[in-house]
Amino acid sequence: MLVPAGAFRYHSSSKEYKQLKVMTKQSSLGQYYTPSDIAVRIVEKALKIIGKSPSRTLELAAGEGHLLAAIELKAPNCKMYAIDIDDANCSSLKEMHPDYETFNADATKPIDFLDKLTFDFALGNPPFLNNVTVDLFIQSLLSSTLNIEIKIGKKIRAEYVFLCQYMNFLKKNGILAIILPDSIISGVKSRIFREALLRKFSIEEIVELNGSPFSKTEAKTHVLFIRNRCPNKIETKLSSFDVNKKSIMVLNDSLVDRMDFTFHKAKNKITGTRQLLNYATIQRGKLTHIDLKMMGEDYIHSTTFDKDFYLPIKSISPNKSYVTKGDVIMCRVGSRVAGKIRVYNGDPVLFTDCIYKIHFKENNIKNDFLSFITSTGGKESLMSLLRGVCSKYITKSDLESIFF
């Protein structure tokens, strides 16, 4: 058998092979387990919100059991119910926690074996899977729980399904503490989900987990504490585990667009009176990096962002987008470069769809904007606009909304 370049061939009984097998399985199942210290902090906050020790707790993707173990530590009389798709995890949970009711099952499917049990507390860190395919069960679940209508066969985030499953097993006024990635909290594609969630249930608090708390992923995550009742307030508390217990109150209407603490904290600090939309035109490149590479012409992309080109082009096509001397350019997307900004000083050159061209009508306004955006406060404001998990991005409308 040929082994691809860069690959390793392990004997099936070797330690390396077993480690590789575990890593491959974790990747395919989206398993990024909750660190024990994070689990304890989540449980402590949840218990304060509940106001009493829960009698019965459910976790649908129990993994290594860190969240349930944290509950057991704080509420030893609580009955634990654990479900996980990984049979190895279930075997380990049964061995380490024989008092848990543990089930090996896929939580995106009907959970009939729980019969008509209800829970006063549920918590979870759903597997970080990009999409699941909507079948008849998922279609009905989303419709009945969130009033979201999705066609069978369409791909959706697995987290939507997990949250709906949880809410259907919670008692009236029961609390769910669920860890969700930044793409669900602030991503454009998840806007309909956030709107439905705010409309149907009471979100008690949203806590941002800064840094990279989960091993093998840099995904920024958040914890939503959701009460199973209709919303009865117009504001929601946003906070961060890393910002000295500081919190802010945000109107629920503002949470439809995005729910992240970093964004709303930066928004509250805004003192500028000029909105970028009114002083500059913002254009995204029309062609991809691959398109322009095949054309063999010079162009601005994230990989050539710092370069000024001084070879005049023969003719300017009205169907193509060009950056000209004095334009401000910005990286639109990229986990490391999104938000990178500078003034272009070369000859006219093409730019890709990964770049924004910001053209100001007046130079003095441009200079004021650059002074702001390169300041500490400006950088914080710009970075707060980032959306997404693996590949960060800034939308045109978000960029246009900046005040300076």
Protein backbone atom coordinates (compact mmCIF):
# COMPACT_ATOMS: atom_id res chain seq x y z
CA MET A 1 0.00 0.00 0.00
CA LEU A 2 1.34 3.45 -0.92
CA VAL A 3 1.63 5.94 1.92
CA PRO A 4 0.99 9.60 0.93
CA ALA A 5 3.87 12.01 1.39
CA GLY A 6 3.93 13.46 4.88
CA ALA A 7 1.80 10.62 6.29
CA PHE A 8 2.87 8.16 8.98
CA ARG A 9 2.31 4.43 8.94
CA TYR A 10 1.61 3.12 12.42
CA HIS A 11 1.27 -0.44 13.54
CA SER A 12 -2.28 -1.01 14.77
CA SER A 13 -1.03 -1.94 18.23
CA SER A 14 1.42 0.95 18.60
CA LYS A 15 0.89 3.86 20.98
CA GLU A 16 1.21 6.36 18.11
CA TYR A 17 -1.46 4.58 16.07
CA LYS A 18 -3.89 4.58 18.99
CA GLN A 19 -3.28 8.28 19.62
CA LEU A 20 -3.80 9.07 15.93
CA LYS A 21 -7.02 7.03 15.92
CA VAL A 22 -8.34 9.00 18.91
CA MET A 23 -7.41 12.34 17.29
CA THR A 24 -9.09 11.34 14.01
CA LYS A 25 -12.26 10.30 15.82
CA GLN A 26 -12.33 13.50 17.89
CA SER A 27 -11.98 15.56 14.72
CA SER A 28 -14.73 13.70 12.85
CA LEU A 29 -17.13 13.93 15.80
CA GLY A 30 -16.25 17.54 16.60
CA GLN A 31 -15.15 16.60 20.11
CA TYR A 32 -13.59 19.54 21.98
CA TYR A 33 -14.08 18.77 25.64
CA THR A 34 -14.79 21.38 28.30
CA PRO A 35 -11.80 22.01 30.61
CA SER A 36 -12.61 21.30 34.26
CA ASP A 37 -11.94 24.87 35.43
CA ILE A 38 -14.31 26.30 32.81
CA ALA A 39 -16.92 23.67 33.71
CA VAL A 40 -16.83 24.68 37.38
CA ARG A 41 -17.26 28.39 36.57
CA ILE A 42 -20.19 27.66 34.25
CA VAL A 43 -21.90 25.52 36.87
CA GLU A 44 -21.35 28.08 39.64
CA LYS A 45 -22.96 30.82 37.56
CA ALA A 46 -25.83 28.55 36.51
CA LEU A 47 -26.60 27.60 40.11
CA LYS A 48 -26.76 31.29 41.06
CA ILE A 49 -29.27 31.85 38.27
CA ILE A 50 -31.33 28.80 39.27
CA GLY A 51 -31.26 29.80 42.94
CA LYS A 52 -31.31 26.23 44.25
CA SER A 53 -29.72 22.83 43.74
CA PRO A 54 -31.23 21.03 40.73
CA SER A 55 -32.77 17.61 41.27
CA ARG A 56 -32.15 16.24 37.77
CA THR A 57 -29.56 17.32 35.16
CA LEU A 58 -29.15 16.38 31.49
CA GLU A 59 -26.17 16.59 29.14
CA LEU A 60 -26.59 15.48 25.52
CA ALA A 61 -22.93 15.35 24.47
CA ALA A 62 -21.31 14.40 27.76
CA GLY A 63 -17.84 13.65 26.40
CA GLU A 64 -15.46 13.12 29.32
CA GLY A 65 -18.09 14.28 31.81
CA HIS A 66 -16.40 17.46 33.06
CA LEU A 67 -19.63 19.48 33.12
CA LEU A 68 -21.58 16.80 34.95
CA ALA A 69 -18.70 16.27 37.38
CA ALA A 70 -18.81 19.99 38.20
CA ILE A 71 -22.53 19.71 38.97
CA GLU A 72 -21.94 16.62 41.10
CA LEU A 73 -19.36 18.59 43.09
CA LYS A 74 -21.74 21.50 43.74
CA ALA A 75 -25.03 19.56 43.95
CA PRO A 76 -24.19 16.02 45.13
CA ASN A 77 -27.84 14.96 45.42
CA CYS A 78 -28.64 15.78 41.79
CA LYS A 79 -29.42 12.84 39.50
CA MET A 80 -27.25 12.90 36.36
CA TYR A 81 -28.29 11.84 32.86
CA ALA A 82 -25.56 11.61 30.23
CA ILE A 83 -25.86 10.95 26.49
CA ASP A 84 -22.95 10.64 24.07
CA ILE A 85 -22.51 9.35 20.52
CA ASP A 86 -19.08 7.91 21.33
CA ASP A 87 -19.30 4.42 22.85
CA ALA A 88 -15.82 4.79 24.37
CA ASN A 89 -16.93 7.92 26.23
CA CYS A 90 -20.02 6.14 27.49
CA SER A 91 -18.01 3.17 28.74
CA SER A 92 -15.65 5.52 30.56
CA LEU A 93 -18.52 7.48 32.10
CA LYS A 94 -20.21 4.29 33.30
CA GLU A 95 -16.97 3.12 34.86
CA MET A 96 -16.07 6.41 36.53
CA HIS A 97 -19.62 7.47 37.45
CA PRO A 98 -21.75 4.36 37.96
CA ASP A 99 -24.53 6.47 39.49
CA TYR A 100 -25.06 8.37 36.22
CA GLU A 101 -27.76 7.25 33.83
CA THR A 102 -25.59 6.96 30.71
CA PHE A 103 -26.82 6.33 27.16
CA ASN A 104 -24.87 5.76 23.94
CA ALA A 105 -26.92 7.65 21.34
CA ASP A 106 -26.90 10.38 18.70
CA ALA A 107 -28.55 13.48 20.20
CA THR A 108 -29.51 14.80 16.76
CA LYS A 109 -31.99 11.90 16.53
CA PRO A 110 -35.17 11.23 18.57
CA ILE A 111 -34.38 10.57 22.25
CA ASP A 112 -37.37 8.36 22.96
CA PHE A 113 -35.58 6.29 25.60
CA LEU A 114 -35.82 9.15 28.12
CA ASP A 115 -39.57 8.59 27.96
CA LYS A 116 -41.29 11.67 29.43
CA LEU A 117 -38.56 12.74 31.84
CA THR A 118 -38.08 16.47 32.37
CA PHE A 119 -35.12 18.30 33.89
CA ASP A 120 -34.70 21.46 35.93
CA PHE A 121 -31.15 21.91 34.64
CA ALA A 122 -29.34 21.04 31.43
CA LEU A 123 -25.89 21.91 30.27
CA GLY A 124 -23.77 21.14 27.29
CA ASN A 125 -20.94 21.77 24.90
CA PRO A 126 -22.35 20.48 21.58
CA PRO A 127 -19.84 18.84 19.22
CA PHE A 128 -18.25 21.35 16.91
CA LEU A 129 -19.68 19.92 13.68
CA ASN A 130 -20.25 22.37 10.87
CA ASN A 131 -23.51 20.97 9.58
CA VAL A 132 -26.12 18.26 9.87
CA THR A 133 -28.66 17.39 7.19
CA VAL A 134 -32.26 18.30 7.96
CA ASP A 135 -34.51 15.25 8.01
CA LEU A 136 -38.19 15.03 8.94
CA PHE A 137 -37.39 14.83 12.67
CA ILE A 138 -35.08 17.87 12.67
CA GLN A 139 -37.49 19.85 10.50
CA SER A 140 -40.32 19.21 12.96
CA LEU A 141 -38.07 19.92 15.97
CA LEU A 142 -36.95 23.33 14.67
CA SER A 143 -40.48 24.27 13.67
CA SER A 144 -42.11 23.35 16.98
CA THR A 145 -39.35 24.75 19.21
CA LEU A 146 -38.19 27.93 17.45
CA ASN A 147 -40.75 28.44 14.68
CA ILE A 148 -37.96 28.12 12.13
CA GLU A 149 -38.98 26.46 8.87
CA ILE A 150 -36.15 24.61 7.10
CA LYS A 151 -36.48 22.40 4.02
CA ILE A 152 -35.60 18.71 4.28
CA GLY A 153 -32.14 18.04 2.85
CA LYS A 154 -30.72 21.45 3.76
CA LYS A 155 -27.57 21.67 5.87
CA ILE A 156 -27.75 23.48 9.22
CA ARG A 157 -25.57 23.87 12.29
CA ALA A 158 -25.74 20.93 14.69
CA GLU A 159 -25.93 23.38 17.60
CA TYR A 160 -29.45 24.40 16.53
CA VAL A 161 -30.63 20.82 16.95
CA PHE A 162 -28.95 20.34 20.31
CA LEU A 163 -30.45 23.53 21.73
CA CYS A 164 -33.94 22.57 20.58
CA GLN A 165 -33.57 19.09 22.08
CA TYR A 166 -32.50 20.59 25.39
CA MET A 167 -35.36 23.08 25.57
CA ASN A 168 -37.88 20.31 25.00
CA PHE A 169 -36.56 18.34 27.98
CA LEU A 170 -36.46 21.30 30.38
CA LYS A 171 -39.17 21.92 32.92
CA LYS A 172 -40.95 25.26 32.93
CA ASN A 173 -38.42 27.83 34.22
CA GLY A 174 -35.62 25.27 33.93
CA ILE A 175 -32.16 26.54 32.96
CA LEU A 176 -29.92 25.53 30.07
CA ALA A 177 -26.22 26.48 30.11
CA ILE A 178 -24.88 25.84 26.62
CA ILE A 179 -21.47 26.59 25.09
CA LEU A 180 -21.69 27.94 21.53
CA PRO A 181 -19.01 29.05 19.05
CA ASP A 182 -18.64 32.62 17.81
CA SER A 183 -20.20 31.73 14.45
CA ILE A 184 -23.54 31.07 16.19
CA ILE A 185 -23.25 34.16 18.39
CA SER A 186 -22.21 36.69 15.74
CA GLY A 187 -22.19 34.99 12.34
CA VAL A 188 -24.40 36.47 9.63
CA LYS A 189 -25.84 33.06 8.69
CA SER A 190 -27.04 32.45 12.27
CA ARG A 191 -29.04 35.68 12.51
CA ILE A 192 -32.36 33.87 11.99
CA PHE A 193 -31.47 31.49 14.84
CA ARG A 194 -30.63 34.33 17.25
CA GLU A 195 -33.84 36.15 16.37
CA ALA A 196 -35.94 33.03 16.98
CA LEU A 197 -34.17 32.26 20.25
CA LEU A 198 -34.74 35.77 21.61
CA ARG A 199 -38.38 35.61 20.56
CA LYS A 200 -39.15 32.24 22.19
CA PHE A 201 -37.06 32.03 25.39
CA SER A 202 -35.61 34.19 28.16
CA ILE A 203 -31.83 34.54 27.91
CA GLU A 204 -30.60 35.25 31.44
CA GLU A 205 -26.97 35.99 30.57
CA ILE A 206 -24.38 35.55 27.81
CA VAL A 207 -20.80 35.01 28.96
CA GLU A 208 -17.82 35.29 26.62
CA LEU A 209 -14.93 32.86 27.00
CA ASN A 210 -11.87 34.69 25.72
CA GLY A 211 -8.64 33.10 24.55
CA SER A 212 -8.61 29.46 23.44
CA PRO A 213 -10.08 27.44 26.33
CA PHE A 214 -10.54 24.27 24.26
CA SER A 215 -7.57 22.18 23.16
CA LYS A 216 -7.00 21.56 19.43
CA THR A 217 -9.11 24.57 18.41
CA GLU A 218 -8.76 28.37 18.56
CA ALA A 219 -12.51 28.86 18.34
CA LYS A 220 -13.84 31.73 20.43
CA THR A 221 -16.80 30.54 22.47
CA HIS A 222 -19.64 31.83 24.62
CA VAL A 223 -22.01 30.42 27.24
CA LEU A 224 -25.72 31.14 26.98
CA PHE A 225 -27.82 30.75 30.12
CA ILE A 226 -31.39 30.26 28.87
CA ARG A 227 -34.55 29.94 30.95
CA ASN A 228 -37.42 27.88 29.59
CA ARG A 229 -40.08 30.58 29.59
CA CYS A 230 -41.22 33.36 27.32
CA PRO A 231 -39.00 36.47 27.39
CA ASN A 232 -40.16 39.02 29.96
CA LYS A 233 -37.47 41.71 29.76
CA ILE A 234 -36.11 44.02 27.09
CA GLU A 235 -32.43 43.76 28.08
CA THR A 236 -29.93 40.92 28.56
CA LYS A 237 -26.78 40.83 30.65
CA LEU A 238 -23.50 40.30 28.76
CA SER A 239 -20.23 39.54 30.52
CA SER A 240 -16.87 37.80 30.21
CA PHE A 241 -15.08 35.38 32.50
CA ASP A 242 -11.87 37.31 31.77
CA VAL A 243 -12.93 40.89 32.53
CA ASN A 244 -13.04 41.16 36.33
CA LYS A 245 -16.77 40.53 36.75
CA LYS A 246 -17.66 43.56 34.59
CA SER A 247 -20.93 43.27 32.70
CA ILE A 248 -23.15 45.37 30.46
CA MET A 249 -26.86 45.38 29.73
CA VAL A 250 -27.82 45.25 26.05
CA LEU A 251 -31.23 45.70 24.45
CA ASN A 252 -32.53 42.39 23.09
CA ASP A 253 -33.21 44.00 19.71
CA SER A 254 -29.46 44.68 19.42
CA LEU A 255 -28.64 41.03 20.13
CA VAL A 256 -30.28 39.82 16.93
CA ASP A 257 -27.33 41.09 14.90
CA ARG A 258 -24.74 39.75 17.35
CA MET A 259 -24.52 38.66 20.97
CA ASP A 260 -20.81 38.95 21.80
CA PHE A 261 -19.66 40.93 24.83
CA THR A 262 -16.51 42.25 23.10
CA PHE A 263 -18.52 43.93 20.33
CA HIS A 264 -21.10 45.57 22.58
CA LYS A 265 -18.46 46.66 25.12
CA ALA A 266 -16.51 48.42 22.36
CA LYS A 267 -19.73 49.91 20.98
CA ASN A 268 -20.50 51.44 24.37
CA LYS A 269 -17.14 53.26 24.33
CA ILE A 270 -17.79 55.04 21.02
CA THR A 271 -17.46 58.82 21.28
CA GLY A 272 -16.99 59.72 17.60
CA THR A 273 -19.76 61.53 15.73
CA ARG A 274 -18.80 60.75 12.12
CA GLN A 275 -19.96 57.46 10.60
CA LEU A 276 -17.70 55.99 7.92
CA LEU A 277 -20.67 55.33 5.63
CA ASN A 278 -21.21 59.07 5.21
CA TYR A 279 -17.62 59.97 4.36
CA ALA A 280 -16.26 57.12 2.24
CA THR A 281 -17.27 54.50 -0.30
CA ILE A 282 -16.32 50.93 0.50
CA GLN A 283 -15.84 48.43 -2.30
CA ARG A 284 -15.01 44.74 -2.17
CA GLY A 285 -12.88 43.28 -4.97
CA LYS A 286 -14.82 41.54 -7.74
CA LEU A 287 -12.42 38.69 -8.53
CA THR A 288 -10.98 35.88 -6.43
CA HIS A 289 -7.32 35.29 -5.70
CA ILE A 290 -7.38 32.30 -8.08
CA ASP A 291 -9.02 34.33 -10.87
CA LEU A 292 -6.39 37.06 -10.70
CA LYS A 293 -3.54 34.59 -10.40
CA MET A 294 -4.67 32.90 -13.62
CA MET A 295 -4.82 36.29 -15.37
CA GLY A 296 -1.13 36.82 -14.61
CA GLU A 297 -1.57 40.43 -13.51
CA ASP A 298 -0.39 42.20 -10.35
CA TYR A 299 -3.01 42.46 -7.61
CA ILE A 300 -3.54 43.22 -3.94
CA HIS A 301 -4.45 40.22 -1.80
CA SER A 302 -3.80 39.32 1.84
CA THR A 303 -0.51 37.74 0.74
CA THR A 304 0.61 40.91 -1.11
CA PHE A 305 -1.11 43.39 1.20
CA ASP A 306 2.03 45.31 2.19
CA LYS A 307 3.26 45.79 -1.37
CA ASP A 308 2.88 48.91 -3.52
CA PHE A 309 2.96 48.17 -7.25
CA TYR A 310 4.73 50.61 -9.59
CA LEU A 311 4.28 48.99 -13.00
CA PRO A 312 1.57 50.99 -14.82
CA ILE A 313 -1.12 48.82 -16.38
CA LYS A 314 -1.70 49.21 -20.12
CA SER A 315 -5.40 49.97 -19.88
CA ILE A 316 -8.04 50.22 -17.16
CA SER A 317 -11.12 48.08 -17.74
CA PRO A 318 -14.49 49.43 -16.50
CA ASN A 319 -15.45 45.86 -15.57
CA LYS A 320 -12.60 45.46 -13.10
CA SER A 321 -11.92 46.97 -9.66
CA TYR A 322 -8.71 48.90 -9.04
CA VAL A 323 -6.97 50.38 -6.02
CA THR A 324 -5.37 53.75 -6.74
CA LYS A 325 -2.83 55.86 -4.89
CA GLY A 326 -4.24 57.28 -1.66
CA ASP A 327 -6.97 54.67 -1.23
CA VAL A 328 -7.22 52.96 2.16
CA ILE A 329 -7.15 49.16 1.86
CA MET A 330 -8.21 46.58 4.43
CA CYS A 331 -8.11 42.79 4.69
CA ARG A 332 -11.73 41.64 4.75
CA VAL A 333 -11.15 38.04 5.83
CA GLY A 334 -8.51 35.85 7.46
CA SER A 335 -7.95 34.37 10.90
CA ARG A 336 -4.74 36.40 11.35
CA VAL A 337 -5.13 39.36 9.00
CA ALA A 338 -8.80 40.45 8.98
CA GLY A 339 -8.90 44.16 9.85
CA LYS A 340 -5.33 44.86 8.74
CA ILE A 341 -5.37 48.34 7.22
CA ARG A 342 -3.07 50.81 5.42
CA VAL A 343 -2.87 53.47 2.69
CA TYR A 344 -1.93 52.25 -0.79
CA ASN A 345 0.75 54.40 -2.48
CA GLY A 346 1.43 52.69 -5.81
CA ASP A 347 0.05 52.74 -9.35
CA PRO A 348 -3.51 51.50 -10.06
CA VAL A 349 -3.75 47.77 -9.41
CA LEU A 350 -6.45 45.09 -9.19
CA PHE A 351 -7.56 43.74 -5.81
CA THR A 352 -9.25 40.50 -4.77
CA ASP A 353 -12.57 39.86 -3.06
CA CYS A 354 -10.62 39.41 0.20
CA ILE A 355 -9.81 43.14 0.22
CA TYR A 356 -11.88 46.25 0.89
CA LYS A 357 -11.02 49.52 -0.86
CA ILE A 358 -12.05 52.54 1.24
CA HIS A 359 -12.12 55.71 -0.85
CA PHE A 360 -12.59 59.01 0.98
CA LYS A 361 -14.06 62.13 -0.59
CA GLU A 362 -11.84 64.43 1.49
CA ASN A 363 -8.22 63.90 2.54
CA ASN A 364 -8.60 65.59 5.92
CA ILE A 365 -11.45 63.22 6.80
CA LYS A 366 -9.32 60.27 5.66
CA ASN A 367 -6.50 61.41 7.92
CA ASP A 368 -8.87 61.73 10.88
CA PHE A 369 -10.15 58.20 10.23
CA LEU A 370 -6.63 56.78 9.99
CA SER A 371 -5.63 58.52 13.22
CA PHE A 372 -8.61 56.94 14.94
CA ILE A 373 -8.40 53.44 13.46
CA THR A 374 -4.69 53.10 14.32
CA SER A 375 -5.22 54.28 17.92
CA THR A 376 -5.73 51.84 20.78
CA GLY A 377 -9.46 52.60 20.90
CA GLY A 378 -9.78 52.41 17.12
CA LYS A 379 -8.06 49.03 16.95
CA GLU A 380 -10.33 47.71 19.70
CA SER A 381 -13.38 49.02 17.83
CA LEU A 382 -12.24 47.43 14.56
CA MET A 383 -11.35 44.07 16.13
CA SER A 384 -14.74 43.96 17.85
CA LEU A 385 -16.36 43.81 14.40
CA LEU A 386 -14.77 40.45 13.56
CA ARG A 387 -17.20 37.59 13.03
CA GLY A 388 -16.71 33.87 12.52
CA VAL A 389 -14.61 31.12 14.07
CA CYS A 390 -11.98 29.52 11.85
CA SER A 391 -11.83 32.30 9.27
CA LYS A 392 -12.54 35.70 10.79
CA TYR A 393 -14.25 38.29 8.59
CA ILE A 394 -15.66 41.82 8.65
CA THR A 395 -18.87 42.59 6.78
CA LYS A 396 -19.20 45.71 4.66
CA SER A 397 -22.17 46.95 6.68
CA ASP A 398 -20.22 46.53 9.94
CA LEU A 399 -17.30 48.48 8.52
CA GLU A 400 -19.60 51.24 7.27
CA SER A 401 -21.11 51.54 10.76
CA ILE A 402 -17.84 52.61 12.43
CA PHE A 403 -17.94 55.98 14.17
CA PHE A 404 -14.74 58.02 14.42
